[in-house]
């Protein structure tokens, strides 16, 4: 059985500027989401992988119709 695709939202910090941001990615596991979030963050910020400090996982959401809602049981 395939894992469900969920939206994972992470905090991150750009070390060189001190800016703190959030980024959301879609993935079928927390591990894949973490890797994708890092790649997406440094690409979005036009910087290097080493310049991004990933923060905590802020939320996990699942699709309900055309919307995404936070699901309490997804984070466990």
PDB file of N, CA and C in Angstrom:
ATOM      1  N   UNK A   1       0.840  -1.192   0.000  1.00  0.00           N
ATOM      2  CA  UNK A   1       0.000   0.000   0.000  1.00  0.00           C
ATOM      3  C   UNK A   1       0.882   1.251   0.000  1.00  0.00           C
ATOM      4  N   UNK A   2       0.560   2.214  -0.852  1.00  0.00           N
ATOM      5  CA  UNK A   2       1.316   3.456  -0.934  1.00  0.00           C
ATOM      6  C   UNK A   2       0.996   4.356   0.249  1.00  0.00           C
ATOM      7  N   UNK A   3       2.002   5.142   0.665  1.00  0.00           N
ATOM      8  CA  UNK A   3       1.779   6.121   1.715  1.00  0.00           C
ATOM      9  C   UNK A   3       0.973   7.281   1.159  1.00  0.00           C
ATOM     10  N   UNK A   4       0.184   7.884   2.005  1.00  0.00           N
ATOM     11  CA  UNK A   4      -0.628   9.032   1.618  1.00  0.00           C
ATOM     12  C   UNK A   4       0.261  10.267   1.477  1.00  0.00           C
ATOM     13  N   UNK A   5      -0.009  11.071   0.456  1.00  0.00           N
ATOM     14  CA  UNK A   5       0.720  12.326   0.278  1.00  0.00           C
ATOM     15  C   UNK A   5       0.117  13.359   1.222  1.00  0.00           C
ATOM     16  N   UNK A   6       0.966  13.945   2.051  1.00  0.00           N
ATOM     17  CA  UNK A   6       0.554  14.957   3.020  1.00  0.00           C
ATOM     18  C   UNK A   6       1.364  16.229   2.804  1.00  0.00           C
ATOM     19  N   UNK A   7       0.876  17.332   3.334  1.00  0.00           N
ATOM     20  CA  UNK A   7       1.622  18.591   3.280  1.00  0.00           C
ATOM     21  C   UNK A   7       2.311  18.808   4.626  1.00  0.00           C
ATOM     22  N   UNK A   8       3.625  18.938   4.590  1.00  0.00           N
ATOM     23  CA  UNK A   8       4.446  19.146   5.774  1.00  0.00           C
ATOM     24  C   UNK A   8       4.949  20.584   5.771  1.00  0.00           C
ATOM     25  N   UNK A   9       4.788  21.281   6.892  1.00  0.00           N
ATOM     26  CA  UNK A   9       5.252  22.656   7.004  1.00  0.00           C
ATOM     27  C   UNK A   9       6.367  22.720   8.049  1.00  0.00           C
ATOM     28  N   UNK A  10       7.507  23.250   7.622  1.00  0.00           N
ATOM     29  CA  UNK A  10       8.689  23.354   8.474  1.00  0.00           C
ATOM     30  C   UNK A  10       9.084  24.818   8.662  1.00  0.00           C
ATOM     31  N   UNK A  11       9.715  25.101   9.783  1.00  0.00           N
ATOM     32  CA  UNK A  11      10.371  26.389   9.998  1.00  0.00           C
ATOM     33  C   UNK A  11      11.815  26.239   9.517  1.00  0.00           C
ATOM     34  N   UNK A  12      12.384  27.335   9.052  1.00  0.00           N
ATOM     35  CA  UNK A  12      13.806  27.327   8.709  1.00  0.00           C
ATOM     36  C   UNK A  12      14.374  28.725   8.882  1.00  0.00           C
ATOM     37  N   UNK A  13      15.700  28.798   8.973  1.00  0.00           N
ATOM     38  CA  UNK A  13      16.395  30.065   9.145  1.00  0.00           C
ATOM     39  C   UNK A  13      17.501  30.164   8.106  1.00  0.00           C
ATOM     40  N   UNK A  14      17.616  31.334   7.487  1.00  0.00           N
ATOM     41  CA  UNK A  14      18.734  31.607   6.587  1.00  0.00           C
ATOM     42  C   UNK A  14      19.854  32.156   7.467  1.00  0.00           C
ATOM     43  N   UNK A  15      20.902  31.385   7.623  1.00  0.00           N
ATOM     44  CA  UNK A  15      21.967  31.724   8.564  1.00  0.00           C
ATOM     45  C   UNK A  15      22.616  33.069   8.234  1.00  0.00           C
ATOM     46  N   UNK A  16      22.915  33.318   6.965  1.00  0.00           N
ATOM     47  CA  UNK A  16      23.635  34.532   6.568  1.00  0.00           C
ATOM     48  C   UNK A  16      22.852  35.816   6.805  1.00  0.00           C
ATOM     49  N   UNK A  17      21.526  35.748   6.776  1.00  0.00           N
ATOM     50  CA  UNK A  17      20.712  36.953   6.958  1.00  0.00           C
ATOM     51  C   UNK A  17      19.962  36.977   8.287  1.00  0.00           C
ATOM     52  N   UNK A  18      19.804  35.819   8.899  1.00  0.00           N
ATOM     53  CA  UNK A  18      19.049  35.721  10.139  1.00  0.00           C
ATOM     54  C   UNK A  18      17.545  35.654   9.929  1.00  0.00           C
ATOM     55  N   UNK A  19      17.100  35.684   8.665  1.00  0.00           N
ATOM     56  CA  UNK A  19      15.662  35.614   8.380  1.00  0.00           C
ATOM     57  C   UNK A  19      15.105  34.248   8.747  1.00  0.00           C
ATOM     58  N   UNK A  20      13.949  34.254   9.406  1.00  0.00           N
ATOM     59  CA  UNK A  20      13.254  33.026   9.760  1.00  0.00           C
ATOM     60  C   UNK A  20      11.997  32.928   8.916  1.00  0.00           C
ATOM     61  N   UNK A  21      11.790  31.783   8.295  1.00  0.00           N
ATOM     62  CA  UNK A  21      10.681  31.585   7.368  1.00  0.00           C
ATOM     63  C   UNK A  21      10.025  30.237   7.606  1.00  0.00           C
ATOM     64  N   UNK A  22       8.985  29.963   6.829  1.00  0.00           N
ATOM     65  CA  UNK A  22       8.313  28.666   6.833  1.00  0.00           C
ATOM     66  C   UNK A  22       8.223  28.180   5.400  1.00  0.00           C
ATOM     67  N   UNK A  23       8.231  26.862   5.240  1.00  0.00           N
ATOM     68  CA  UNK A  23       8.089  26.283   3.911  1.00  0.00           C
ATOM     69  C   UNK A  23       7.255  25.018   4.007  1.00  0.00           C
ATOM     70  N   UNK A  24       6.370  24.834   3.027  1.00  0.00           N
ATOM     71  CA  UNK A  24       5.525  23.640   2.973  1.00  0.00           C
ATOM     72  C   UNK A  24       5.868  22.831   1.737  1.00  0.00           C
ATOM     73  N   UNK A  25       5.914  21.526   1.909  1.00  0.00           N
ATOM     74  CA  UNK A  25       6.181  20.605   0.799  1.00  0.00           C
ATOM     75  C   UNK A  25       5.223  19.424   0.903  1.00  0.00           C
ATOM     76  N   UNK A  26       5.019  18.756  -0.223  1.00  0.00           N
ATOM     77  CA  UNK A  26       4.175  17.568  -0.267  1.00  0.00           C
ATOM     78  C   UNK A  26       5.066  16.340  -0.365  1.00  0.00           C
ATOM     79  N   UNK A  27       4.785  15.341   0.480  1.00  0.00           N
ATOM     80  CA  UNK A  27       5.585  14.114   0.473  1.00  0.00           C
ATOM     81  C   UNK A  27       4.784  12.989   1.123  1.00  0.00           C
ATOM     82  N   UNK A  28       5.320  11.769   0.972  1.00  0.00           N
ATOM     83  CA  UNK A  28       4.635  10.612   1.562  1.00  0.00           C
ATOM     84  C   UNK A  28       5.274  10.137   2.858  1.00  0.00           C
ATOM     85  N   UNK A  29       6.293  10.876   3.348  1.00  0.00           N
ATOM     86  CA  UNK A  29       6.880  10.565   4.658  1.00  0.00           C
ATOM     87  C   UNK A  29       7.553  11.814   5.220  1.00  0.00           C
ATOM     88  N   UNK A  30       7.707  11.845   6.534  1.00  0.00           N
ATOM     89  CA  UNK A  30       8.348  12.976   7.193  1.00  0.00           C
ATOM     90  C   UNK A  30       9.798  13.111   6.751  1.00  0.00           C
ATOM     91  N   UNK A  31      10.486  11.983   6.572  1.00  0.00           N
ATOM     92  CA  UNK A  31      11.889  12.000   6.168  1.00  0.00           C
ATOM     93  C   UNK A  31      12.054  12.610   4.779  1.00  0.00           C
ATOM     94  N   UNK A  32      11.229  12.170   3.842  1.00  0.00           N
ATOM     95  CA  UNK A  32      11.294  12.725   2.484  1.00  0.00           C
ATOM     96  C   UNK A  32      10.930  14.203   2.498  1.00  0.00           C
ATOM     97  N   UNK A  33       9.937  14.553   3.299  1.00  0.00           N
ATOM     98  CA  UNK A  33       9.515  15.954   3.391  1.00  0.00           C
ATOM     99  C   UNK A  33      10.641  16.831   3.923  1.00  0.00           C
ATOM    100  N   UNK A  34      11.365  16.349   4.913  1.00  0.00           N
ATOM    101  CA  UNK A  34      12.472  17.107   5.489  1.00  0.00           C
ATOM    102  C   UNK A  34      13.558  17.374   4.450  1.00  0.00           C
ATOM    103  N   UNK A  35      13.917  16.353   3.684  1.00  0.00           N
ATOM    104  CA  UNK A  35      14.927  16.502   2.630  1.00  0.00           C
ATOM    105  C   UNK A  35      14.444  17.485   1.563  1.00  0.00           C
ATOM    106  N   UNK A  36      13.208  17.318   1.128  1.00  0.00           N
ATOM    107  CA  UNK A  36      12.646  18.184   0.096  1.00  0.00           C
ATOM    108  C   UNK A  36      12.524  19.626   0.576  1.00  0.00           C
ATOM    109  N   UNK A  37      12.158  19.817   1.835  1.00  0.00           N
ATOM    110  CA  UNK A  37      12.032  21.165   2.392  1.00  0.00           C
ATOM    111  C   UNK A  37      13.375  21.882   2.390  1.00  0.00           C
ATOM    112  N   UNK A  38      14.445  21.180   2.759  1.00  0.00           N
ATOM    113  CA  UNK A  38      15.783  21.778   2.748  1.00  0.00           C
ATOM    114  C   UNK A  38      16.167  22.176   1.328  1.00  0.00           C
ATOM    115  N   UNK A  39      15.990  21.264   0.372  1.00  0.00           N
ATOM    116  CA  UNK A  39      16.328  21.553  -1.022  1.00  0.00           C
ATOM    117  C   UNK A  39      15.519  22.738  -1.555  1.00  0.00           C
ATOM    118  N   UNK A  40      14.239  22.763  -1.242  1.00  0.00           N
ATOM    119  CA  UNK A  40      13.368  23.824  -1.720  1.00  0.00           C
ATOM    120  C   UNK A  40      13.738  25.160  -1.077  1.00  0.00           C
ATOM    121  N   UNK A  41      14.067  25.138   0.212  1.00  0.00           N
ATOM    122  CA  UNK A  41      14.406  26.370   0.926  1.00  0.00           C
ATOM    123  C   UNK A  41      15.664  27.012   0.361  1.00  0.00           C
ATOM    124  N   UNK A  42      16.724  26.248   0.150  1.00  0.00           N
ATOM    125  CA  UNK A  42      17.940  26.899  -0.345  1.00  0.00           C
ATOM    126  C   UNK A  42      17.806  27.313  -1.797  1.00  0.00           C
ATOM    127  N   UNK A  43      16.994  26.608  -2.556  1.00  0.00           N
ATOM    128  CA  UNK A  43      16.730  27.034  -3.927  1.00  0.00           C
ATOM    129  C   UNK A  43      15.913  28.329  -3.928  1.00  0.00           C
ATOM    130  N   UNK A  44      14.890  28.385  -3.119  1.00  0.00           N
ATOM    131  CA  UNK A  44      14.024  29.559  -3.023  1.00  0.00           C
ATOM    132  C   UNK A  44      14.791  30.787  -2.528  1.00  0.00           C
ATOM    133  N   UNK A  45      15.698  30.586  -1.593  1.00  0.00           N
ATOM    134  CA  UNK A  45      16.454  31.693  -0.998  1.00  0.00           C
ATOM    135  C   UNK A  45      17.694  32.074  -1.813  1.00  0.00           C
ATOM    136  N   UNK A  46      17.956  31.363  -2.915  1.00  0.00           N
ATOM    137  CA  UNK A  46      19.137  31.614  -3.757  1.00  0.00           C
ATOM    138  C   UNK A  46      20.418  31.569  -2.940  1.00  0.00           C
ATOM    139  N   UNK A  47      20.562  30.500  -2.180  1.00  0.00           N
ATOM    140  CA  UNK A  47      21.737  30.347  -1.325  1.00  0.00           C
ATOM    141  C   UNK A  47      22.173  28.889  -1.355  1.00  0.00           C
ATOM    142  N   UNK A  48      23.085  28.520  -0.478  1.00  0.00           N
ATOM    143  CA  UNK A  48      23.599  27.150  -0.440  1.00  0.00           C
ATOM    144  C   UNK A  48      22.915  26.341   0.660  1.00  0.00           C
ATOM    145  N   UNK A  49      23.051  25.051   0.540  1.00  0.00           N
ATOM    146  CA  UNK A  49      22.489  24.128   1.529  1.00  0.00           C
ATOM    147  C   UNK A  49      23.014  24.438   2.935  1.00  0.00           C
ATOM    148  N   UNK A  50      24.285  24.800   3.009  1.00  0.00           N
ATOM    149  CA  UNK A  50      24.924  25.066   4.305  1.00  0.00           C
ATOM    150  C   UNK A  50      24.417  26.346   4.960  1.00  0.00           C
ATOM    151  N   UNK A  51      23.741  27.210   4.185  1.00  0.00           N
ATOM    152  CA  UNK A  51      23.238  28.481   4.701  1.00  0.00           C
ATOM    153  C   UNK A  51      21.824  28.367   5.267  1.00  0.00           C
ATOM    154  N   UNK A  52      21.253  27.165   5.210  1.00  0.00           N
ATOM    155  CA  UNK A  52      19.890  26.954   5.719  1.00  0.00           C
ATOM    156  C   UNK A  52      19.946  26.089   6.975  1.00  0.00           C
ATOM    157  N   UNK A  53      19.313  26.557   8.020  1.00  0.00           N
ATOM    158  CA  UNK A  53      19.177  25.792   9.263  1.00  0.00           C
ATOM    159  C   UNK A  53      17.702  25.407   9.383  1.00  0.00           C
ATOM    160  N   UNK A  54      17.437  24.115   9.219  1.00  0.00           N
ATOM    161  CA  UNK A  54      16.055  23.654   9.302  1.00  0.00           C
ATOM    162  C   UNK A  54      15.599  23.666  10.755  1.00  0.00           C
ATOM    163  N   UNK A  55      14.376  24.125  10.944  1.00  0.00           N
ATOM    164  CA  UNK A  55      13.781  24.169  12.269  1.00  0.00           C
ATOM    165  C   UNK A  55      12.832  23.000  12.473  1.00  0.00           C
ATOM    166  N   UNK A  56      11.889  23.190  13.344  1.00  0.00           N
ATOM    167  CA  UNK A  56      10.972  22.108  13.694  1.00  0.00           C
ATOM    168  C   UNK A  56       9.865  21.944  12.664  1.00  0.00           C
ATOM    169  N   UNK A  57       9.276  20.784  12.674  1.00  0.00           N
ATOM    170  CA  UNK A  57       8.092  20.501  11.878  1.00  0.00           C
ATOM    171  C   UNK A  57       6.933  21.211  12.554  1.00  0.00           C
ATOM    172  N   UNK A  58       6.290  22.133  11.844  1.00  0.00           N
ATOM    173  CA  UNK A  58       5.223  22.940  12.425  1.00  0.00           C
ATOM    174  C   UNK A  58       3.856  22.283  12.303  1.00  0.00           C
ATOM    175  N   UNK A  59       3.599  21.643  11.158  1.00  0.00           N
ATOM    176  CA  UNK A  59       2.296  21.007  10.984  1.00  0.00           C
ATOM    177  C   UNK A  59       2.339  19.982   9.867  1.00  0.00           C
ATOM    178  N   UNK A  60       1.373  19.088   9.923  1.00  0.00           N
ATOM    179  CA  UNK A  60       1.147  18.105   8.878  1.00  0.00           C
ATOM    180  C   UNK A  60      -0.328  18.218   8.514  1.00  0.00           C
ATOM    181  N   UNK A  61      -0.605  18.365   7.221  1.00  0.00           N
ATOM    182  CA  UNK A  61      -1.980  18.540   6.758  1.00  0.00           C
ATOM    183  C   UNK A  61      -2.311  17.479   5.726  1.00  0.00           C
ATOM    184  N   UNK A  62      -3.585  17.128   5.659  1.00  0.00           N
ATOM    185  CA  UNK A  62      -4.019  16.170   4.651  1.00  0.00           C
ATOM    186  C   UNK A  62      -5.129  16.783   3.819  1.00  0.00           C
ATOM    187  N   UNK A  63      -5.266  16.283   2.600  1.00  0.00           N
ATOM    188  CA  UNK A  63      -6.264  16.813   1.674  1.00  0.00           C
ATOM    189  C   UNK A  63      -7.664  16.422   2.118  1.00  0.00           C
ATOM    190  N   UNK A  64      -8.548  17.397   2.104  1.00  0.00           N
ATOM    191  CA  UNK A  64      -9.974  17.173   2.321  1.00  0.00           C
ATOM    192  C   UNK A  64     -10.657  17.967   1.221  1.00  0.00           C
ATOM    193  N   UNK A  65     -11.073  17.268   0.169  1.00  0.00           N
ATOM    194  CA  UNK A  65     -11.591  17.957  -1.013  1.00  0.00           C
ATOM    195  C   UNK A  65     -10.463  18.710  -1.678  1.00  0.00           C
ATOM    196  N   UNK A  66     -10.667  20.000  -1.911  1.00  0.00           N
ATOM    197  CA  UNK A  66      -9.645  20.849  -2.520  1.00  0.00           C
ATOM    198  C   UNK A  66      -8.816  21.591  -1.484  1.00  0.00           C
ATOM    199  N   UNK A  67      -9.056  21.338  -0.208  1.00  0.00           N
ATOM    200  CA  UNK A  67      -8.364  22.048   0.871  1.00  0.00           C
ATOM    201  C   UNK A  67      -7.488  21.096   1.655  1.00  0.00           C
ATOM    202  N   UNK A  68      -6.582  21.670   2.428  1.00  0.00           N
ATOM    203  CA  UNK A  68      -5.741  20.884   3.328  1.00  0.00           C
ATOM    204  C   UNK A  68      -6.065  21.303   4.741  1.00  0.00           C
ATOM    205  N   UNK A  69      -6.263  20.319   5.625  1.00  0.00           N
ATOM    206  CA  UNK A  69      -6.543  20.608   7.024  1.00  0.00           C
ATOM    207  C   UNK A  69      -5.527  19.875   7.884  1.00  0.00           C
ATOM    208  N   UNK A  70      -5.160  20.518   8.980  1.00  0.00           N
ATOM    209  CA  UNK A  70      -4.196  19.903   9.890  1.00  0.00           C
ATOM    210  C   UNK A  70      -4.817  18.684  10.538  1.00  0.00           C
ATOM    211  N   UNK A  71      -4.062  17.604  10.575  1.00  0.00           N
ATOM    212  CA  UNK A  71      -4.592  16.381  11.184  1.00  0.00           C
ATOM    213  C   UNK A  71      -3.760  16.039  12.410  1.00  0.00           C
ATOM    214  N   UNK A  72      -4.412  15.946  13.547  1.00  0.00           N
ATOM    215  CA  UNK A  72      -3.728  15.720  14.817  1.00  0.00           C
ATOM    216  C   UNK A  72      -3.003  14.383  14.845  1.00  0.00           C
ATOM    217  N   UNK A  73      -3.555  13.346  14.272  1.00  0.00           N
ATOM    218  CA  UNK A  73      -2.934  12.030  14.309  1.00  0.00           C
ATOM    219  C   UNK A  73      -1.801  11.833  13.327  1.00  0.00           C
ATOM    220  N   UNK A  74      -1.604  12.768  12.405  1.00  0.00           N
ATOM    221  CA  UNK A  74      -0.563  12.603  11.373  1.00  0.00           C
ATOM    222  C   UNK A  74       0.839  12.735  11.932  1.00  0.00           C
ATOM    223  N   UNK A  75       1.008  13.500  12.978  1.00  0.00           N
ATOM    224  CA  UNK A  75       2.343  13.793  13.492  1.00  0.00           C
ATOM    225  C   UNK A  75       2.918  12.663  14.337  1.00  0.00           C
ATOM    226  N   UNK A  76       2.113  11.724  14.733  1.00  0.00           N
ATOM    227  CA  UNK A  76       2.602  10.665  15.626  1.00  0.00           C
ATOM    228  C   UNK A  76       3.338   9.577  14.885  1.00  0.00           C
TER     229      UNK A  76
END
